[in-house]
Protein backbone atom coordinates (compact mmCIF):
# COMPACT_ATOMS: atom_id res chain seq x y z
CA MET A 1 -30.86 96.05 -233.94
CA LEU A 2 -32.42 98.90 -234.96
CA PRO A 3 -35.99 98.64 -234.19
CA LEU A 4 -38.79 98.09 -236.66
CA ALA A 5 -40.95 100.83 -235.39
CA TYR A 6 -37.81 103.33 -236.36
CA LEU A 7 -37.07 102.42 -239.09
CA ARG A 8 -40.79 101.90 -240.84
CA GLU A 9 -40.43 105.69 -239.95
CA ASN A 10 -37.21 107.28 -240.33
CA PRO A 11 -36.51 105.32 -243.59
CA ASP A 12 -35.07 109.04 -244.96
CA LEU A 13 -33.29 109.76 -241.30
CA ILE A 14 -31.80 106.23 -241.80
CA LYS A 15 -30.43 105.66 -244.93
CA GLU A 16 -29.23 109.13 -244.38
CA GLY A 17 -26.33 107.87 -241.35
CA LEU A 18 -26.24 105.14 -243.34
CA THR A 19 -24.39 107.63 -245.99
CA LYS A 20 -22.12 108.95 -243.17
CA ARG A 21 -20.78 105.18 -242.35
CA ASN A 22 -20.29 105.02 -246.46
CA PHE A 23 -22.54 101.88 -246.03
CA LEU A 24 -24.30 101.26 -249.82
CA GLN A 25 -26.44 99.00 -248.96
CA LEU A 26 -28.82 101.28 -249.29
CA ASP A 27 -31.13 99.03 -250.49
CA LEU A 28 -31.67 96.50 -247.77
CA ILE A 29 -33.58 99.16 -246.12
CA ASP A 30 -36.02 99.04 -249.12
CA GLN A 31 -35.67 95.55 -248.78
CA LEU A 32 -36.29 95.11 -245.12
CA LEU A 33 -39.94 97.33 -245.20
CA ASP A 34 -41.71 95.39 -248.41
CA ALA A 35 -40.79 92.11 -245.82
CA ASP A 36 -41.66 93.67 -242.46
CA GLN A 37 -44.82 95.10 -244.91
CA ASN A 38 -45.44 91.30 -246.02
CA ARG A 39 -45.22 90.01 -242.70
CA ARG A 40 -47.42 92.33 -241.54
CA SER A 41 -50.11 91.47 -244.32
CA LEU A 42 -49.59 87.87 -243.89
CA LYS A 43 -50.39 87.72 -240.17
CA VAL A 44 -53.69 89.60 -240.76
CA GLN A 45 -54.57 86.96 -243.35
CA LEU A 46 -53.27 84.22 -240.36
CA ASP A 47 -55.66 85.85 -237.88
CA GLU A 48 -58.87 86.49 -240.60
CA THR A 49 -58.16 82.65 -240.91
CA LEU A 50 -58.00 81.14 -237.38
CA SER A 51 -60.35 83.38 -236.33
CA LYS A 52 -63.24 82.19 -238.86
CA SER A 53 -62.06 78.65 -238.45
CA ASN A 54 -62.93 79.33 -234.87
CA GLN A 55 -66.61 80.61 -235.55
CA LEU A 56 -67.40 78.12 -237.44
CA ALA A 57 -65.75 75.57 -235.05
CA LYS A 58 -68.98 77.05 -232.58
CA GLU A 59 -71.00 77.06 -235.37
CA ILE A 60 -70.71 72.59 -236.20
CA GLY A 61 -70.80 72.68 -231.94
CA THR A 62 -74.07 73.75 -232.28
CA LEU A 63 -75.17 72.56 -235.13
CA PHE A 64 -74.33 68.94 -233.75
CA LYS A 65 -75.94 69.62 -230.15
CA SER A 66 -79.90 70.60 -232.28
CA GLY A 67 -79.33 66.99 -234.38
CA GLN A 68 -77.72 69.20 -237.78
CA THR A 69 -75.56 66.86 -238.46
CA GLU A 70 -75.41 66.98 -242.44
CA LYS A 71 -75.37 70.81 -241.81
CA ALA A 72 -72.35 70.88 -239.35
CA ASN A 73 -70.27 67.75 -241.31
CA ALA A 74 -70.82 70.18 -244.34
CA LEU A 75 -68.39 72.81 -242.15
CA LYS A 76 -65.94 70.36 -241.20
CA ALA A 77 -64.42 70.32 -244.65
CA GLU A 78 -64.86 73.75 -244.74
CA THR A 79 -62.52 74.13 -241.70
CA THR A 80 -60.01 71.47 -242.41
CA ALA A 81 -59.41 73.50 -245.67
CA LEU A 82 -59.10 76.43 -243.21
CA LYS A 83 -56.04 74.87 -241.41
CA ASN A 84 -54.80 73.70 -243.78
CA GLU A 85 -54.77 77.27 -244.71
CA ALA A 86 -53.81 78.69 -241.59
CA LYS A 87 -50.82 75.72 -241.65
CA GLN A 88 -49.44 77.40 -245.05
CA LEU A 89 -50.02 81.01 -243.34
CA GLN A 90 -47.69 80.49 -240.88
CA GLU A 91 -44.91 79.42 -242.58
CA ASP A 92 -44.01 81.25 -244.94
CA LEU A 93 -44.78 84.02 -242.12
CA GLN A 94 -42.06 81.91 -240.03
CA ASN A 95 -39.95 82.30 -243.08
CA ILE A 96 -40.55 85.85 -243.27
CA GLU A 97 -39.81 86.57 -240.12
CA VAL A 98 -36.71 84.11 -240.66
CA GLY A 99 -35.37 86.56 -243.64
CA LEU A 100 -36.74 90.14 -242.12
CA LEU A 101 -34.27 88.83 -239.13
CA SER A 102 -31.54 88.25 -241.48
CA LEU A 103 -31.87 91.62 -243.21
CA ARG A 104 -32.08 94.23 -239.64
CA THR A 105 -29.04 92.07 -238.41
CA GLN A 106 -27.00 93.28 -241.87
CA ILE A 107 -28.00 97.07 -241.15
CA PRO A 108 -25.67 98.72 -238.49
CA ASN A 109 -26.29 101.15 -236.09
CA ILE A 110 -27.19 104.99 -237.42
CA PRO A 111 -24.17 107.22 -236.18
CA ASP A 112 -24.95 109.68 -233.81
CA GLU A 113 -25.10 112.93 -235.51
CA SER A 114 -21.68 114.37 -233.69
CA VAL A 115 -19.84 111.87 -235.59
CA PRO A 116 -18.14 113.78 -238.55
CA TYR A 117 -17.96 112.91 -242.05
CA GLY A 118 -14.82 110.23 -242.80
CA SER A 119 -14.14 107.59 -244.77
CA SER A 120 -10.70 105.80 -242.63
CA GLU A 121 -8.94 106.39 -239.02
CA ASN A 122 -6.96 109.58 -241.41
CA ASP A 123 -10.59 111.11 -241.15
CA ASN A 124 -10.91 110.28 -237.12
CA GLU A 125 -11.25 113.58 -235.24
CA GLU A 126 -8.08 114.47 -232.47
CA VAL A 127 -10.73 115.94 -229.95
CA PHE A 128 -8.07 115.88 -227.17
CA ASN A 129 -4.44 115.50 -225.72
CA ALA A 130 -2.36 115.54 -222.03
CA GLY A 131 0.61 114.67 -221.63
CA SER A 132 4.43 115.67 -222.48
CA ILE A 133 5.74 113.75 -225.40
CA PRO A 134 9.35 112.44 -224.23
CA ASP A 135 12.28 113.20 -225.96
CA LEU A 136 14.46 109.82 -225.98
CA GLY A 137 17.02 110.38 -228.78
CA GLU A 138 18.34 107.79 -231.43
CA GLU A 139 19.21 105.31 -228.80
CA ALA A 140 15.38 104.60 -228.23
CA ARG A 141 14.32 100.54 -227.82
CA PRO A 142 11.16 99.88 -228.88
CA HIS A 143 9.45 97.32 -226.61
CA TRP A 144 9.75 93.69 -227.76
CA GLU A 145 13.84 94.92 -226.93
CA LEU A 146 13.60 95.91 -223.79
CA ALA A 147 11.80 92.93 -223.10
CA SER A 148 13.95 90.71 -224.62
CA GLN A 149 16.79 93.00 -222.63
CA TYR A 150 14.87 92.74 -219.05
CA ASP A 151 13.89 89.32 -220.25
CA LEU A 152 10.34 90.41 -219.29
CA ILE A 153 8.29 89.11 -222.47
CA ASP A 154 9.73 86.13 -223.96
CA PHE A 155 7.66 85.44 -227.60
CA ASP A 156 9.64 83.16 -229.02
CA LEU A 157 8.53 80.58 -225.79
CA GLY A 158 4.46 81.37 -227.43
CA SER A 159 5.09 80.12 -230.81
CA LYS A 160 6.71 77.42 -229.72
CA ILE A 161 3.61 76.53 -226.93
CA THR A 162 1.41 77.79 -229.20
CA GLY A 163 1.92 80.02 -231.95
CA ALA A 164 2.53 84.07 -232.92
CA GLY A 165 0.63 86.05 -230.64
CA PHE A 166 0.53 84.72 -227.53
CA PRO A 167 3.52 86.00 -225.24
CA VAL A 168 5.05 84.83 -222.08
CA TYR A 169 4.72 86.70 -219.51
CA LYS A 170 8.16 86.11 -216.91
CA ASP A 171 9.21 87.07 -214.00
CA LYS A 172 8.70 90.91 -213.05
CA GLY A 173 6.81 91.35 -216.95
CA ALA A 174 3.94 88.63 -215.15
CA LYS A 175 4.04 90.86 -211.66
CA LEU A 176 3.51 95.06 -213.83
CA GLN A 177 0.80 92.20 -215.72
CA ARG A 178 -0.22 91.26 -212.70
CA ALA A 179 -0.35 95.18 -211.67
CA LEU A 180 -1.73 96.58 -213.81
CA ILE A 181 -5.05 94.20 -213.90
CA GLN A 182 -4.98 95.06 -210.05
CA PHE A 183 -4.55 98.95 -211.05
CA PHE A 184 -7.56 98.95 -213.46
CA LEU A 185 -9.96 97.29 -211.44
CA ASP A 186 -9.06 98.99 -208.14
CA LYS A 187 -9.60 102.96 -210.67
CA ASN A 188 -13.73 101.17 -211.46
CA THR A 189 -14.53 100.12 -208.30
CA ALA A 190 -13.32 102.97 -206.47
CA ALA A 191 -15.47 104.58 -209.51
CA GLY A 192 -19.12 102.48 -208.65
CA TYR A 193 -18.20 99.54 -210.65
CA THR A 194 -19.10 96.05 -209.91
CA GLU A 195 -16.43 93.45 -210.22
CA TYR A 196 -17.85 90.39 -212.42
CA GLN A 197 -15.70 87.21 -213.55
CA VAL A 198 -16.77 85.85 -215.77
CA PRO A 199 -16.90 82.82 -218.48
CA HIS A 200 -14.29 83.23 -221.41
CA LEU A 201 -16.67 81.16 -223.98
CA VAL A 202 -20.07 82.21 -225.47
CA ASN A 203 -22.46 81.30 -226.67
CA GLU A 204 -24.61 81.99 -230.07
CA ASP A 205 -26.65 83.72 -228.50
CA SER A 206 -24.57 85.91 -226.61
CA GLY A 207 -22.56 86.57 -229.43
CA PHE A 208 -25.28 87.75 -231.26
CA GLY A 209 -26.58 89.64 -228.68
CA THR A 210 -23.63 92.16 -228.44
CA GLY A 211 -23.28 92.90 -231.72
CA GLN A 212 -19.91 90.30 -232.84
CA LEU A 213 -22.34 87.66 -234.37
CA PRO A 214 -22.89 87.51 -237.59
CA ASP A 215 -20.64 90.29 -238.37
CA LYS A 216 -17.39 89.30 -236.54
CA GLU A 217 -18.02 85.82 -237.36
CA GLY A 218 -14.37 85.22 -239.01
CA GLN A 219 -12.31 86.70 -235.98
CA MET A 220 -13.75 84.90 -233.52
CA TYR A 221 -11.78 81.37 -231.99
CA HIS A 222 -14.88 79.58 -232.66
CA VAL A 223 -15.08 75.83 -230.86
CA GLN A 224 -17.13 74.02 -232.97
CA GLU A 225 -18.37 70.61 -231.75
CA ASP A 226 -19.30 73.22 -228.39
CA GLY A 227 -20.75 75.86 -230.74
CA LEU A 228 -18.98 78.20 -228.08
CA TYR A 229 -16.67 81.09 -229.42
CA LEU A 230 -13.87 81.88 -226.97
CA ILE A 231 -14.95 86.28 -226.35
CA PRO A 232 -12.81 89.14 -228.25
CA THR A 233 -13.33 91.31 -224.29
CA ALA A 234 -15.56 91.18 -221.80
CA GLU A 235 -17.72 93.69 -223.10
CA VAL A 236 -19.76 90.33 -223.94
CA PRO A 237 -20.64 87.82 -220.75
CA LEU A 238 -20.53 91.75 -219.23
CA THR A 239 -23.67 93.00 -221.47
CA ASN A 240 -25.69 89.70 -222.22
CA ILE A 241 -25.35 89.04 -217.75
CA PHE A 242 -28.82 91.02 -218.57
CA ARG A 243 -30.00 89.25 -221.19
CA ASN A 244 -34.11 88.59 -222.09
CA GLN A 245 -34.41 91.42 -218.55
CA LEU A 246 -36.84 93.68 -217.86
CA LEU A 247 -35.44 96.07 -215.03
CA GLU A 248 -37.61 98.16 -213.03
CA ALA A 249 -36.21 102.29 -213.60
CA LYS A 250 -35.12 102.07 -209.73
CA ASP A 251 -32.59 99.91 -211.37
CA LEU A 252 -30.67 102.04 -213.51
CA PRO A 253 -27.69 102.45 -214.08
CA ILE A 254 -26.34 99.28 -213.82
CA CYS A 255 -21.82 100.05 -213.83
CA ILE A 256 -19.89 96.75 -213.41
CA THR A 257 -16.68 96.00 -214.23
CA GLY A 258 -14.26 93.03 -215.48
CA TYR A 259 -10.96 91.27 -216.22
CA THR A 260 -10.87 88.72 -218.83
CA PRO A 261 -7.95 87.76 -221.59
CA CYS A 262 -9.13 88.13 -225.46
CA PHE A 263 -8.76 85.87 -228.15
CA ARG A 264 -8.73 87.36 -231.25
CA ARG A 265 -8.04 85.91 -234.35
CA GLU A 266 -6.79 88.61 -236.34
CA ALA A 267 -7.04 87.21 -238.96
CA GLY A 268 -4.60 88.94 -242.30
CA SER A 269 -2.55 90.83 -240.23
CA TYR A 270 1.07 91.46 -240.85
CA GLY A 271 4.14 93.22 -240.94
CA ALA A 272 5.79 95.58 -238.69
CA ASN A 273 2.48 97.82 -237.11
CA VAL A 274 1.96 93.79 -235.48
CA ARG A 275 4.93 93.65 -233.85
CA GLY A 276 6.11 92.82 -230.31
CA LEU A 277 2.97 93.24 -228.33
CA ASN A 278 0.70 95.77 -231.29
CA ARG A 279 -1.34 93.09 -232.11
CA LEU A 280 -2.46 89.75 -230.69
CA HIS A 281 -4.30 86.71 -230.37
CA GLN A 282 -4.21 86.50 -226.87
CA PHE A 283 -4.29 89.50 -224.60
CA ASP A 284 -5.80 90.93 -221.09
CA LYS A 285 -7.75 93.66 -220.93
CA VAL A 286 -10.21 95.03 -217.92
CA GLU A 287 -14.02 96.55 -218.90
CA ILE A 288 -15.78 98.65 -218.39
CA VAL A 289 -20.22 98.20 -219.40
CA ARG A 290 -23.10 101.08 -218.30
CA LEU A 291 -26.52 100.34 -218.96
CA GLU A 292 -28.73 103.38 -218.47
CA GLU A 293 -31.77 105.24 -219.50
CA PRO A 294 -32.42 107.25 -223.02
CA GLN A 295 -32.07 110.47 -221.52
CA HIS A 296 -28.53 109.69 -219.08
CA SER A 297 -26.61 108.45 -221.93
CA ARG A 298 -24.81 110.44 -223.38
CA ALA A 299 -23.88 111.91 -219.62
CA ALA A 300 -22.31 108.50 -218.49
CA LEU A 301 -20.49 107.94 -222.33
CA ASP A 302 -18.49 111.41 -221.31
CA GLY A 303 -18.50 109.97 -218.22
CA MET A 304 -16.54 107.11 -218.77
CA VAL A 305 -14.39 109.13 -220.43
CA GLU A 306 -13.13 110.64 -217.76
CA HIS A 307 -12.51 107.72 -215.68
CA VAL A 308 -10.49 106.67 -218.32
CA LYS A 309 -8.22 109.97 -219.21
CA ASP A 310 -8.34 109.85 -215.61
CA ILE A 311 -6.42 106.01 -214.50
CA LEU A 312 -4.24 107.76 -217.76
CA ARG A 313 -2.45 110.65 -215.59
CA ALA A 314 -2.45 108.56 -213.25
CA LEU A 315 -0.06 105.61 -215.49
CA GLU A 316 2.01 109.41 -216.21
CA LEU A 317 1.96 108.54 -220.36
CA PRO A 318 0.71 110.97 -222.61
CA TYR A 319 -2.07 110.31 -224.57
CA ARG A 320 -4.99 111.83 -226.99
CA ILE A 321 -8.81 110.89 -227.47
CA LEU A 322 -10.11 110.38 -231.28
CA LYS A 323 -13.74 110.74 -232.47
CA LEU A 324 -14.48 108.16 -234.89
CA CYS A 325 -15.35 109.10 -238.24
CA GLY A 326 -18.62 107.37 -239.33
CA GLY A 327 -16.57 105.60 -242.05
CA ASP A 328 -13.75 103.73 -239.00
CA LEU A 329 -16.98 103.17 -236.72
CA GLY A 330 -18.42 100.01 -235.25
CA PHE A 331 -20.84 98.32 -236.69
CA THR A 332 -22.90 98.39 -233.14
CA ALA A 333 -21.46 101.72 -232.13
CA ALA A 334 -23.31 105.07 -232.50
CA LEU A 335 -20.46 107.14 -230.69
CA THR A 336 -16.95 106.45 -229.71
CA PHE A 337 -13.53 108.05 -228.76
CA ASP A 338 -10.89 105.91 -228.73
CA PHE A 339 -8.12 106.49 -226.76
CA GLU A 340 -4.53 106.20 -228.05
CA ILE A 341 -0.94 106.21 -225.90
CA TYR A 342 2.12 107.58 -227.38
CA SER A 343 5.58 105.59 -228.51
CA ALA A 344 8.45 107.49 -227.88
CA ALA A 345 10.75 104.13 -229.19
CA GLN A 346 7.98 103.24 -232.36
CA LYS A 347 7.38 107.21 -233.07
CA LYS A 348 3.78 106.63 -232.99
CA TRP A 349 0.33 106.57 -231.34
CA LEU A 350 -0.83 103.31 -230.63
CA GLU A 351 -4.88 102.33 -229.24
CA ILE A 352 -5.93 101.33 -225.67
CA SER A 353 -9.52 101.86 -224.97
CA SER A 354 -12.33 102.38 -227.41
CA VAL A 355 -15.71 103.54 -224.86
CA SER A 356 -18.48 103.45 -226.85
CA THR A 357 -22.40 103.96 -227.02
CA PHE A 358 -24.82 102.03 -228.32
CA ASN A 359 -28.19 103.38 -227.42
CA SER A 360 -30.44 100.60 -228.11
CA PHE A 361 -29.24 98.97 -230.86
CA GLN A 362 -27.69 95.96 -228.43
CA SER A 363 -30.61 96.39 -226.15
CA GLU A 364 -32.81 95.59 -228.72
CA ARG A 365 -30.49 92.10 -229.92
CA LEU A 366 -30.60 91.47 -226.56
CA GLN A 367 -33.95 91.50 -226.20
CA LEU A 368 -33.51 94.29 -222.66
CA ARG A 369 -36.34 97.12 -221.50
CA TYR A 370 -36.57 98.36 -218.69
CA LYS A 371 -39.63 99.64 -217.39
CA ASP A 372 -40.53 103.46 -215.56
CA PRO A 373 -42.51 103.89 -212.29
CA LYS A 374 -45.66 103.65 -214.78
CA GLY A 375 -45.31 100.54 -216.17
CA LYS A 376 -44.31 101.71 -219.39
CA LYS A 377 -41.39 99.57 -220.85
CA HIS A 378 -38.21 101.53 -222.87
CA PRO A 379 -35.25 100.21 -224.25
CA VAL A 380 -31.91 100.28 -222.06
CA HIS A 381 -29.59 102.28 -223.61
CA THR A 382 -25.65 100.38 -223.45
CA LEU A 383 -22.57 102.01 -223.32
CA ASN A 384 -18.77 99.91 -222.80
CA GLY A 385 -14.94 101.32 -222.83
CA SER A 386 -11.33 99.07 -222.13
CA SER A 387 -10.23 100.26 -218.85
CA LEU A 388 -7.61 99.41 -220.41
CA ALA A 389 -6.50 97.18 -223.01
CA LEU A 390 -2.83 95.78 -221.16
CA PRO A 391 -1.14 95.08 -224.20
CA ARG A 392 0.11 97.98 -225.69
CA VAL A 393 0.29 100.48 -221.92
CA ILE A 394 2.89 97.59 -221.36
CA ALA A 395 4.45 98.64 -225.16
CA GLY A 396 4.50 102.83 -224.08
CA LEU A 397 5.54 102.13 -220.00
CA LEU A 398 8.17 100.71 -220.79
CA GLU A 399 9.25 102.15 -223.96
CA ASN A 400 8.69 105.51 -222.73
CA ASN A 401 10.12 105.35 -219.69
CA GLN A 402 13.57 103.75 -220.65
CA THR A 403 16.39 104.94 -219.15
CA PRO A 404 20.69 103.81 -218.95
CA LYS A 405 19.45 102.91 -215.97
CA GLY A 406 16.46 100.70 -216.40
CA ILE A 407 12.96 101.23 -216.80
CA HIS A 408 10.84 103.54 -213.87
CA ILE A 409 7.58 102.30 -212.81
CA PRO A 410 4.92 105.09 -212.33
CA LYS A 411 3.90 105.55 -208.89
CA ALA A 412 0.40 105.04 -209.00
CA LEU A 413 1.86 101.40 -210.06
CA VAL A 414 4.43 101.20 -207.48
CA PRO A 415 2.10 99.97 -205.32
CA TYR A 416 0.93 97.23 -206.56
CA THR A 417 4.10 96.08 -208.38
CA GLY A 418 6.55 95.81 -205.34
CA PHE A 419 9.46 97.58 -207.09
CA GLU A 420 9.99 101.30 -208.92
CA VAL A 421 12.82 100.24 -211.44
CA ILE A 422 12.95 97.06 -214.00
CA SER A 423 16.75 97.35 -214.23
CA PRO A 424 18.65 94.48 -215.84
């Protein structure tokens, strides 16, 4: 969430930033400021009423001690009225604070100044590309056909067990999946990220803390009887490790990584673009998360981008990096770089990573702060990135490395897979 003080002091700047997002509900800012003004006025009234009540209570005590019982009893009636007034003011204040929180949760993050204007993914800005796109000719086969030919992934079996979007990996397909997970974790820990194993279900507070709730509630699997949600990404449990904490400046930066399965309902996703591994309800992903002092967060974001680039170089995959425009930016993000690999068989780009900074937007929801050496408290900046999401990486590896004799494995992965080629 945006801090209230920032909202009060910069309403025009915030509206300008939201316009870059094509966010049309700018009246929410005015509603929020009005509610905040009412809240502060009520707080003043409540404080004055409680102060007056306390003062009268002291006077009543003095009157009773001095034997002025009649005067004391007269004042007691006044204190009763003040207590009732204070109770009503407290209820009104609580209701306004609930409404104020609701308004704040509806307002997305303000885009970074460098975010380009645009309304959709077509307006995203390509900022980098690397690698050569292989020419596989007209005989190139998409990964779902290769997976069937080499008995690597069984989509029908997954549908039988659960439903569409839950594939079953088999034999060398399962080994390739496991190899990639270990390879990604090793790359991350070598770069200074501490590995965590975290729960795959989270409570509502955790979903709220990182911004999945209430914004993406319909996209999350909900275990209603227990009030728990299956995680859409490891970002949620990893970042919530630090919810409601006051850190020391010397503790920062905090760099962590973790592997988890991810669960997304992806309601309304149909068509050829979701075939095979292109879009799943359950998939595996390795995530990196950083907590930074504000003055270091942009350099940290650049470092995360370079880290993902290094992984993709090792996988020998052609890729590009897009800076997301305002209209394609996620609700909580201030700046996002998407990584896409090229599928030579499908002849299109496939997103395999998003690296984002949220500035203090998440930490405001998480109540996460750090204290500088002088004891002053500051918001922590949070960042996260996929390094990497596995399904489309596997799709790219199978499609781009196919030959008449089999599918070649990149050299960096061979120590993890134990084989150099997937052959019939």
